[in-house]
Amino acid sequence: MPTPLCILLVDDSGFFLTLERQFLRNTPASLLEAKSAAEALELARSHRPSLVFMDIDMPETDGLACCRQFQQDPELQGIPVILIGDKGVPEHQAQAAAAGSAGFLTKPLDRRQFLEVGHRLLVSIDRREPRRGCDIPVTFEWGGAERHGLCVDISSGGMFLKIDPRAGKGDLLPLRVRLPDRERTVIKLTGRIAWVNRPDAPIKPHYPFGYGLEFIEISEEAGIALRRCFGV
């Protein structure tokens, strides 16, 4: 029988472990979690994961040193390790390559990039994105003016914004989203327009006119609020 797929997630932050689990929830693999380099090495030796996502910034032994230990261990050196650095530390990417990482990502984590980099190394990683229907107001600034739209579906990685489309693919929109919870919580996100459903050329005729947005920056607080409200 084939060996079941196993992916190891390594981060001392419970928030990022939970976020990565959500990104991978459609992938047919068991997920292991470690909050330190020592724990990661122990789990890797006992379970032989097919892939490792590992944060660089961890106490005691950091992810760079741990990745080097993977490369130096004859039992582990064949396991690809994707290192996750800080967007504000540009040297992390070169350091990750020098440590022998098979891929590199930065925080804040982008769901699409996370799954894309993982899929290159493990084709079983499922990049589909479950969405939840909703009906919530969204405000953003574009072209020097405040605009208002309606989010009609949402996921951990993006939303569809119903609005008269004027911006174009690739444009960034700073979003303020009012959640339908008891407190009417307002969260702030940055969305990148991935596709545009225009009246003259609808990509998805069953959708209203507007934008398919990818979240490129999402704070821990916003992520928690979205999961609490929608379970995404």
C-alpha atoms as a PDB file:
ATOM      1  CA  MET A   1       0.000   0.000   0.000  1.00  0.00           C
ATOM      2  CA  PRO A   2       1.268   3.541  -0.728  1.00  0.00           C
ATOM      3  CA  THR A   3       2.543   5.534   2.227  1.00  0.00           C
ATOM      4  CA  PRO A   4       0.002   8.225   3.285  1.00  0.00           C
ATOM      5  CA  LEU A   5       1.124  11.760   2.574  1.00  0.00           C
ATOM      6  CA  CYS A   6       2.273  13.788   5.550  1.00  0.00           C
ATOM      7  CA  ILE A   7       3.119  17.510   5.750  1.00  0.00           C
ATOM      8  CA  LEU A   8       4.952  19.043   8.699  1.00  0.00           C
ATOM      9  CA  LEU A   9       4.190  22.644   9.727  1.00  0.00           C
ATOM     10  CA  VAL A  10       6.779  24.334  11.949  1.00  0.00           C
ATOM     11  CA  ASP A  11       6.147  27.673  13.663  1.00  0.00           C
ATOM     12  CA  ASP A  12       6.169  28.886  17.256  1.00  0.00           C
ATOM     13  CA  SER A  13       3.023  30.944  16.506  1.00  0.00           C
ATOM     14  CA  GLY A  14      -0.279  29.134  16.963  1.00  0.00           C
ATOM     15  CA  PHE A  15      -1.964  31.651  14.661  1.00  0.00           C
ATOM     16  CA  PHE A  16       0.244  30.798  11.674  1.00  0.00           C
ATOM     17  CA  LEU A  17      -0.039  27.054  12.316  1.00  0.00           C
ATOM     18  CA  THR A  18      -3.834  27.412  12.252  1.00  0.00           C
ATOM     19  CA  LEU A  19      -3.690  29.551   9.091  1.00  0.00           C
ATOM     20  CA  GLU A  20      -1.488  27.018   7.281  1.00  0.00           C
ATOM     21  CA  ARG A  21      -3.791  24.195   8.334  1.00  0.00           C
ATOM     22  CA  GLN A  22      -6.698  26.084   6.782  1.00  0.00           C
ATOM     23  CA  PHE A  23      -4.748  26.632   3.567  1.00  0.00           C
ATOM     24  CA  LEU A  24      -4.138  22.869   3.352  1.00  0.00           C
ATOM     25  CA  ARG A  25      -7.545  21.633   4.462  1.00  0.00           C
ATOM     26  CA  ASN A  26      -8.468  20.292   1.000  1.00  0.00           C
ATOM     27  CA  THR A  27      -5.129  18.481   0.581  1.00  0.00           C
ATOM     28  CA  PRO A  28      -5.289  14.693   1.115  1.00  0.00           C
ATOM     29  CA  ALA A  29      -2.475  14.558   3.667  1.00  0.00           C
ATOM     30  CA  SER A  30      -2.082  14.266   7.412  1.00  0.00           C
ATOM     31  CA  LEU A  31      -0.740  17.449   8.988  1.00  0.00           C
ATOM     32  CA  LEU A  32       1.787  17.518  11.824  1.00  0.00           C
ATOM     33  CA  GLU A  33       2.683  20.608  13.865  1.00  0.00           C
ATOM     34  CA  ALA A  34       5.889  21.549  15.664  1.00  0.00           C
ATOM     35  CA  LYS A  35       6.615  24.725  17.618  1.00  0.00           C
ATOM     36  CA  SER A  36      10.400  24.348  17.785  1.00  0.00           C
ATOM     37  CA  ALA A  37      13.291  23.046  15.709  1.00  0.00           C
ATOM     38  CA  ALA A  38      13.899  20.193  18.162  1.00  0.00           C
ATOM     39  CA  GLU A  39      10.276  19.086  17.918  1.00  0.00           C
ATOM     40  CA  ALA A  40      10.378  19.380  14.111  1.00  0.00           C
ATOM     41  CA  LEU A  41      13.438  17.126  13.846  1.00  0.00           C
ATOM     42  CA  GLU A  42      11.894  14.562  16.181  1.00  0.00           C
ATOM     43  CA  LEU A  43       8.616  14.460  14.205  1.00  0.00           C
ATOM     44  CA  ALA A  44      10.456  14.337  10.878  1.00  0.00           C
ATOM     45  CA  ARG A  45      12.517  11.327  11.968  1.00  0.00           C
ATOM     46  CA  SER A  46       9.478   9.441  13.256  1.00  0.00           C
ATOM     47  CA  HIS A  47       6.994  10.306  10.471  1.00  0.00           C
ATOM     48  CA  ARG A  48       9.117  11.089   7.368  1.00  0.00           C
ATOM     49  CA  PRO A  49       6.925  13.932   6.022  1.00  0.00           C
ATOM     50  CA  SER A  50       6.696  14.520   2.285  1.00  0.00           C
ATOM     51  CA  LEU A  51       7.120  18.287   2.752  1.00  0.00           C
ATOM     52  CA  VAL A  52       7.962  20.775   5.517  1.00  0.00           C
ATOM     53  CA  PHE A  53       6.844  24.397   5.858  1.00  0.00           C
ATOM     54  CA  MET A  54       9.121  26.047   8.448  1.00  0.00           C
ATOM     55  CA  ASP A  55       9.290  29.548   9.910  1.00  0.00           C
ATOM     56  CA  ILE A  56      12.738  31.123  10.096  1.00  0.00           C
ATOM     57  CA  ASP A  57      12.170  33.245  13.189  1.00  0.00           C
ATOM     58  CA  MET A  58      11.907  30.763  16.075  1.00  0.00           C
ATOM     59  CA  PRO A  59      13.456  30.850  19.567  1.00  0.00           C
ATOM     60  CA  GLU A  60      16.540  28.807  20.463  1.00  0.00           C
ATOM     61  CA  THR A  61      17.304  27.103  17.118  1.00  0.00           C
ATOM     62  CA  ASP A  62      15.935  29.120  14.192  1.00  0.00           C
ATOM     63  CA  GLY A  63      14.536  27.749  10.952  1.00  0.00           C
ATOM     64  CA  LEU A  64      17.750  28.354   9.004  1.00  0.00           C
ATOM     65  CA  ALA A  65      19.788  26.210  11.391  1.00  0.00           C
ATOM     66  CA  CYS A  66      17.076  23.565  11.464  1.00  0.00           C
ATOM     67  CA  CYS A  67      16.960  23.432   7.662  1.00  0.00           C
ATOM     68  CA  ARG A  68      20.737  22.878   7.607  1.00  0.00           C
ATOM     69  CA  GLN A  69      20.243  20.013  10.075  1.00  0.00           C
ATOM     70  CA  PHE A  70      17.750  18.449   7.666  1.00  0.00           C
ATOM     71  CA  GLN A  71      20.331  18.682   4.871  1.00  0.00           C
ATOM     72  CA  GLN A  72      23.107  17.159   7.010  1.00  0.00           C
ATOM     73  CA  ASP A  73      21.039  14.224   8.274  1.00  0.00           C
ATOM     74  CA  PRO A  74      21.161  11.244   5.865  1.00  0.00           C
ATOM     75  CA  GLU A  75      17.659  10.222   6.983  1.00  0.00           C
ATOM     76  CA  LEU A  76      16.111  13.656   6.375  1.00  0.00           C
ATOM     77  CA  GLN A  77      18.087  15.269   3.558  1.00  0.00           C
ATOM     78  CA  GLY A  78      15.626  14.096   0.909  1.00  0.00           C
ATOM     79  CA  ILE A  79      12.692  15.932   2.539  1.00  0.00           C
ATOM     80  CA  PRO A  80      12.060  19.347   0.905  1.00  0.00           C
ATOM     81  CA  VAL A  81      11.851  22.258   3.346  1.00  0.00           C
ATOM     82  CA  ILE A  82      10.081  25.514   2.459  1.00  0.00           C
ATOM     83  CA  LEU A  83      11.339  28.311   4.687  1.00  0.00           C
ATOM     84  CA  ILE A  84       9.105  31.228   5.656  1.00  0.00           C
ATOM     85  CA  GLY A  85      10.789  34.575   6.323  1.00  0.00           C
ATOM     86  CA  ASP A  86       9.738  38.080   7.191  1.00  0.00           C
ATOM     87  CA  LYS A  87       8.775  40.470   4.402  1.00  0.00           C
ATOM     88  CA  GLY A  88      10.687  43.197   6.264  1.00  0.00           C
ATOM     89  CA  VAL A  89      13.959  41.214   6.312  1.00  0.00           C
ATOM     90  CA  PRO A  90      15.147  41.077   2.672  1.00  0.00           C
ATOM     91  CA  GLU A  91      18.229  38.982   3.504  1.00  0.00           C
ATOM     92  CA  HIS A  92      16.040  36.067   4.580  1.00  0.00           C
ATOM     93  CA  GLN A  93      15.613  34.816   1.005  1.00  0.00           C
ATOM     94  CA  ALA A  94      19.361  34.520   0.357  1.00  0.00           C
ATOM     95  CA  GLN A  95      19.888  32.976   3.790  1.00  0.00           C
ATOM     96  CA  ALA A  96      17.157  30.416   3.088  1.00  0.00           C
ATOM     97  CA  ALA A  97      18.765  29.435  -0.229  1.00  0.00           C
ATOM     98  CA  ALA A  98      22.153  29.089   1.470  1.00  0.00           C
ATOM     99  CA  ALA A  99      20.589  26.846   4.117  1.00  0.00           C
ATOM    100  CA  GLY A 100      19.329  24.498   1.407  1.00  0.00           C
ATOM    101  CA  SER A 101      15.637  25.360   1.361  1.00  0.00           C
ATOM    102  CA  ALA A 102      13.569  24.033  -1.531  1.00  0.00           C
ATOM    103  CA  GLY A 103      11.312  27.104  -1.551  1.00  0.00           C
ATOM    104  CA  PHE A 104      10.783  30.446   0.156  1.00  0.00           C
ATOM    105  CA  LEU A 105       7.752  32.429   1.338  1.00  0.00           C
ATOM    106  CA  THR A 106       7.257  35.567   3.405  1.00  0.00           C
ATOM    107  CA  LYS A 107       4.848  36.689   6.095  1.00  0.00           C
ATOM    108  CA  PRO A 108       2.139  37.929   5.933  1.00  0.00           C
ATOM    109  CA  LEU A 109       1.314  34.640   4.207  1.00  0.00           C
ATOM    110  CA  ASP A 110      -0.450  34.813   0.859  1.00  0.00           C
ATOM    111  CA  ARG A 111      -2.680  31.748   0.442  1.00  0.00           C
ATOM    112  CA  ARG A 112      -2.217  31.520  -3.324  1.00  0.00           C
ATOM    113  CA  GLN A 113       1.589  31.740  -3.103  1.00  0.00           C
ATOM    114  CA  PHE A 114       1.703  29.323  -0.171  1.00  0.00           C
ATOM    115  CA  LEU A 115      -0.169  26.642  -2.108  1.00  0.00           C
ATOM    116  CA  GLU A 116       1.587  27.396  -5.406  1.00  0.00           C
ATOM    117  CA  VAL A 117       5.077  26.977  -3.920  1.00  0.00           C
ATOM    118  CA  GLY A 118       3.961  23.847  -2.080  1.00  0.00           C
ATOM    119  CA  HIS A 119       2.318  22.392  -5.202  1.00  0.00           C
ATOM    120  CA  ARG A 120       5.592  22.664  -7.145  1.00  0.00           C
ATOM    121  CA  LEU A 121       7.155  20.258  -4.664  1.00  0.00           C
ATOM    122  CA  LEU A 122       4.133  18.110  -3.831  1.00  0.00           C
ATOM    123  CA  VAL A 123       1.555  17.905  -6.623  1.00  0.00           C
ATOM    124  CA  SER A 124      -1.050  16.458  -4.254  1.00  0.00           C
ATOM    125  CA  ILE A 125      -1.440  19.878  -2.621  1.00  0.00           C
ATOM    126  CA  ASP A 126      -4.939  21.054  -3.528  1.00  0.00           C
ATOM    127  CA  ARG A 127      -5.104  24.711  -4.575  1.00  0.00           C
ATOM    128  CA  ARG A 128      -8.898  24.961  -4.694  1.00  0.00           C
ATOM    129  CA  GLU A 129     -10.459  27.504  -2.389  1.00  0.00           C
ATOM    130  CA  PRO A 130     -13.773  26.817  -0.609  1.00  0.00           C
ATOM    131  CA  ARG A 131     -15.904  29.947  -0.398  1.00  0.00           C
ATOM    132  CA  ARG A 132     -18.830  31.069   1.722  1.00  0.00           C
ATOM    133  CA  GLY A 133     -21.722  33.086   0.348  1.00  0.00           C
ATOM    134  CA  CYS A 134     -22.404  36.335   2.185  1.00  0.00           C
ATOM    135  CA  ASP A 135     -23.817  39.815   1.779  1.00  0.00           C
ATOM    136  CA  ILE A 136     -21.595  42.333   3.575  1.00  0.00           C
ATOM    137  CA  PRO A 137     -20.645  45.959   2.829  1.00  0.00           C
ATOM    138  CA  VAL A 138     -17.109  46.856   1.771  1.00  0.00           C
ATOM    139  CA  THR A 139     -15.568  50.322   1.500  1.00  0.00           C
ATOM    140  CA  PHE A 140     -12.327  51.233  -0.264  1.00  0.00           C
ATOM    141  CA  GLU A 141     -10.558  54.170  -1.879  1.00  0.00           C
ATOM    142  CA  TRP A 142      -9.730  54.192  -5.573  1.00  0.00           C
ATOM    143  CA  GLY A 143      -8.994  57.037  -7.947  1.00  0.00           C
ATOM    144  CA  GLY A 144      -9.046  59.532  -5.085  1.00  0.00           C
ATOM    145  CA  ALA A 145     -12.620  58.731  -4.091  1.00  0.00           C
ATOM    146  CA  GLU A 146     -14.293  56.467  -1.585  1.00  0.00           C
ATOM    147  CA  ARG A 147     -16.274  53.650  -3.172  1.00  0.00           C
ATOM    148  CA  HIS A 148     -18.760  51.150  -1.759  1.00  0.00           C
ATOM    149  CA  GLY A 149     -19.401  47.576  -2.847  1.00  0.00           C
ATOM    150  CA  LEU A 150     -20.866  44.334  -1.583  1.00  0.00           C
ATOM    151  CA  CYS A 151     -18.931  41.174  -0.797  1.00  0.00           C
ATOM    152  CA  VAL A 152     -21.033  38.252  -2.065  1.00  0.00           C
ATOM    153  CA  ASP A 153     -18.628  35.398  -1.279  1.00  0.00           C
ATOM    154  CA  ILE A 154     -15.496  35.106   0.841  1.00  0.00           C
ATOM    155  CA  SER A 155     -12.725  32.680   1.756  1.00  0.00           C
ATOM    156  CA  SER A 156      -9.513  32.778   3.771  1.00  0.00           C
ATOM    157  CA  GLY A 157      -7.696  33.978   0.647  1.00  0.00           C
ATOM    158  CA  GLY A 158     -10.050  36.392  -1.060  1.00  0.00           C
ATOM    159  CA  MET A 159     -13.539  37.592  -1.907  1.00  0.00           C
ATOM    160  CA  PHE A 160     -15.781  38.561  -4.793  1.00  0.00           C
ATOM    161  CA  LEU A 161     -16.747  42.230  -4.629  1.00  0.00           C
ATOM    162  CA  LYS A 162     -19.967  43.210  -6.388  1.00  0.00           C
ATOM    163  CA  ILE A 163     -19.489  46.715  -7.802  1.00  0.00           C
ATOM    164  CA  ASP A 164     -19.442  48.679 -11.059  1.00  0.00           C
ATOM    165  CA  PRO A 165     -15.882  47.723 -12.147  1.00  0.00           C
ATOM    166  CA  ARG A 166     -13.556  50.610 -12.968  1.00  0.00           C
ATOM    167  CA  ALA A 167     -10.189  49.403 -11.692  1.00  0.00           C
ATOM    168  CA  GLY A 168      -8.192  46.717 -13.521  1.00  0.00           C
ATOM    169  CA  LYS A 169      -6.477  43.399 -12.936  1.00  0.00           C
ATOM    170  CA  GLY A 170      -3.483  43.743 -10.614  1.00  0.00           C
ATOM    171  CA  ASP A 171      -4.680  46.934  -8.909  1.00  0.00           C
ATOM    172  CA  LEU A 172      -4.460  46.981  -5.112  1.00  0.00           C
ATOM    173  CA  LEU A 173      -7.470  48.006  -3.055  1.00  0.00           C
ATOM    174  CA  PRO A 174      -7.265  48.890   0.663  1.00  0.00           C
ATOM    175  CA  LEU A 175     -10.495  47.389   1.994  1.00  0.00           C
ATOM    176  CA  ARG A 176     -12.629  48.050   5.054  1.00  0.00           C
ATOM    177  CA  VAL A 177     -15.069  45.197   5.624  1.00  0.00           C
ATOM    178  CA  ARG A 178     -17.939  45.331   8.128  1.00  0.00           C
ATOM    179  CA  LEU A 179     -18.606  41.808   9.398  1.00  0.00           C
ATOM    180  CA  PRO A 180     -22.118  40.598  10.217  1.00  0.00           C
ATOM    181  CA  ASP A 181     -21.242  39.679  13.804  1.00  0.00           C
ATOM    182  CA  ARG A 182     -22.845  41.009  16.948  1.00  0.00           C
ATOM    183  CA  GLU A 183     -20.204  43.728  17.347  1.00  0.00           C
ATOM    184  CA  ARG A 184     -20.354  44.755  13.649  1.00  0.00           C
ATOM    185  CA  THR A 185     -16.578  44.409  13.570  1.00  0.00           C
ATOM    186  CA  VAL A 186     -14.716  46.363  10.884  1.00  0.00           C
ATOM    187  CA  ILE A 187     -11.530  44.742   9.578  1.00  0.00           C
ATOM    188  CA  LYS A 188      -8.920  46.149   7.208  1.00  0.00           C
ATOM    189  CA  LEU A 189      -7.429  44.098   4.369  1.00  0.00           C
ATOM    190  CA  THR A 190      -5.502  44.687   1.165  1.00  0.00           C
ATOM    191  CA  GLY A 191      -6.973  43.024  -1.913  1.00  0.00           C
ATOM    192  CA  ARG A 192      -5.340  42.533  -5.297  1.00  0.00           C
ATOM    193  CA  ILE A 193      -7.702  42.322  -8.272  1.00  0.00           C
ATOM    194  CA  ALA A 194      -7.211  38.835  -9.743  1.00  0.00           C
ATOM    195  CA  TRP A 195      -9.976  39.091 -12.355  1.00  0.00           C
ATOM    196  CA  VAL A 196     -12.704  41.499 -13.428  1.00  0.00           C
ATOM    197  CA  ASN A 197     -16.270  40.582 -14.344  1.00  0.00           C
ATOM    198  CA  ARG A 198     -17.154  43.383 -16.758  1.00  0.00           C
ATOM    199  CA  PRO A 199     -20.620  43.994 -18.247  1.00  0.00           C
ATOM    200  CA  ASP A 200     -19.189  43.890 -21.787  1.00  0.00           C
ATOM    201  CA  ALA A 201     -17.052  40.764 -21.227  1.00  0.00           C
ATOM    202  CA  PRO A 202     -18.119  38.701 -18.189  1.00  0.00           C
ATOM    203  CA  ILE A 203     -15.641  35.944 -17.288  1.00  0.00           C
ATOM    204  CA  LYS A 204     -18.253  34.266 -15.077  1.00  0.00           C
ATOM    205  CA  PRO A 205     -21.751  35.070 -16.397  1.00  0.00           C
ATOM    206  CA  HIS A 206     -23.410  33.607 -13.290  1.00  0.00           C
ATOM    207  CA  TYR A 207     -21.587  36.171 -11.106  1.00  0.00           C
ATOM    208  CA  PRO A 208     -22.579  39.846 -10.794  1.00  0.00           C
ATOM    209  CA  PHE A 209     -20.270  42.520 -12.188  1.00  0.00           C
ATOM    210  CA  GLY A 210     -17.256  43.307 -10.037  1.00  0.00           C
ATOM    211  CA  TYR A 211     -13.852  42.050  -8.887  1.00  0.00           C
ATOM    212  CA  GLY A 212     -12.391  38.726  -7.832  1.00  0.00           C
ATOM    213  CA  LEU A 213      -9.924  39.779  -5.120  1.00  0.00           C
ATOM    214  CA  GLU A 214      -6.969  37.992  -3.541  1.00  0.00           C
ATOM    215  CA  PHE A 215      -5.955  39.054  -0.041  1.00  0.00           C
ATOM    216  CA  ILE A 216      -2.261  39.923  -0.090  1.00  0.00           C
ATOM    217  CA  GLU A 217      -1.975  41.261   3.437  1.00  0.00           C
ATOM    218  CA  ILE A 218      -4.110  40.070   6.322  1.00  0.00           C
ATOM    219  CA  SER A 219      -3.360  40.751   9.973  1.00  0.00           C
ATOM    220  CA  GLU A 220      -3.672  38.160  12.709  1.00  0.00           C
ATOM    221  CA  GLU A 221      -6.666  40.047  14.131  1.00  0.00           C
ATOM    222  CA  ALA A 222      -8.440  40.172  10.754  1.00  0.00           C
ATOM    223  CA  GLY A 223      -7.783  36.474  10.143  1.00  0.00           C
ATOM    224  CA  ILE A 224      -9.220  35.529  13.527  1.00  0.00           C
ATOM    225  CA  ALA A 225     -12.295  37.713  12.922  1.00  0.00           C
ATOM    226  CA  LEU A 226     -12.928  36.108   9.508  1.00  0.00           C
ATOM    227  CA  ARG A 227     -12.652  32.574  10.880  1.00  0.00           C
ATOM    228  CA  ARG A 228     -14.911  33.401  13.810  1.00  0.00           C
ATOM    229  CA  CYS A 229     -17.551  34.908  11.543  1.00  0.00           C
ATOM    230  CA  PHE A 230     -17.436  32.602   8.490  1.00  0.00           C
ATOM    231  CA  GLY A 231     -15.323  29.596   9.460  1.00  0.00           C
ATOM    232  CA  VAL A 232     -13.009  30.245   6.487  1.00  0.00           C
END
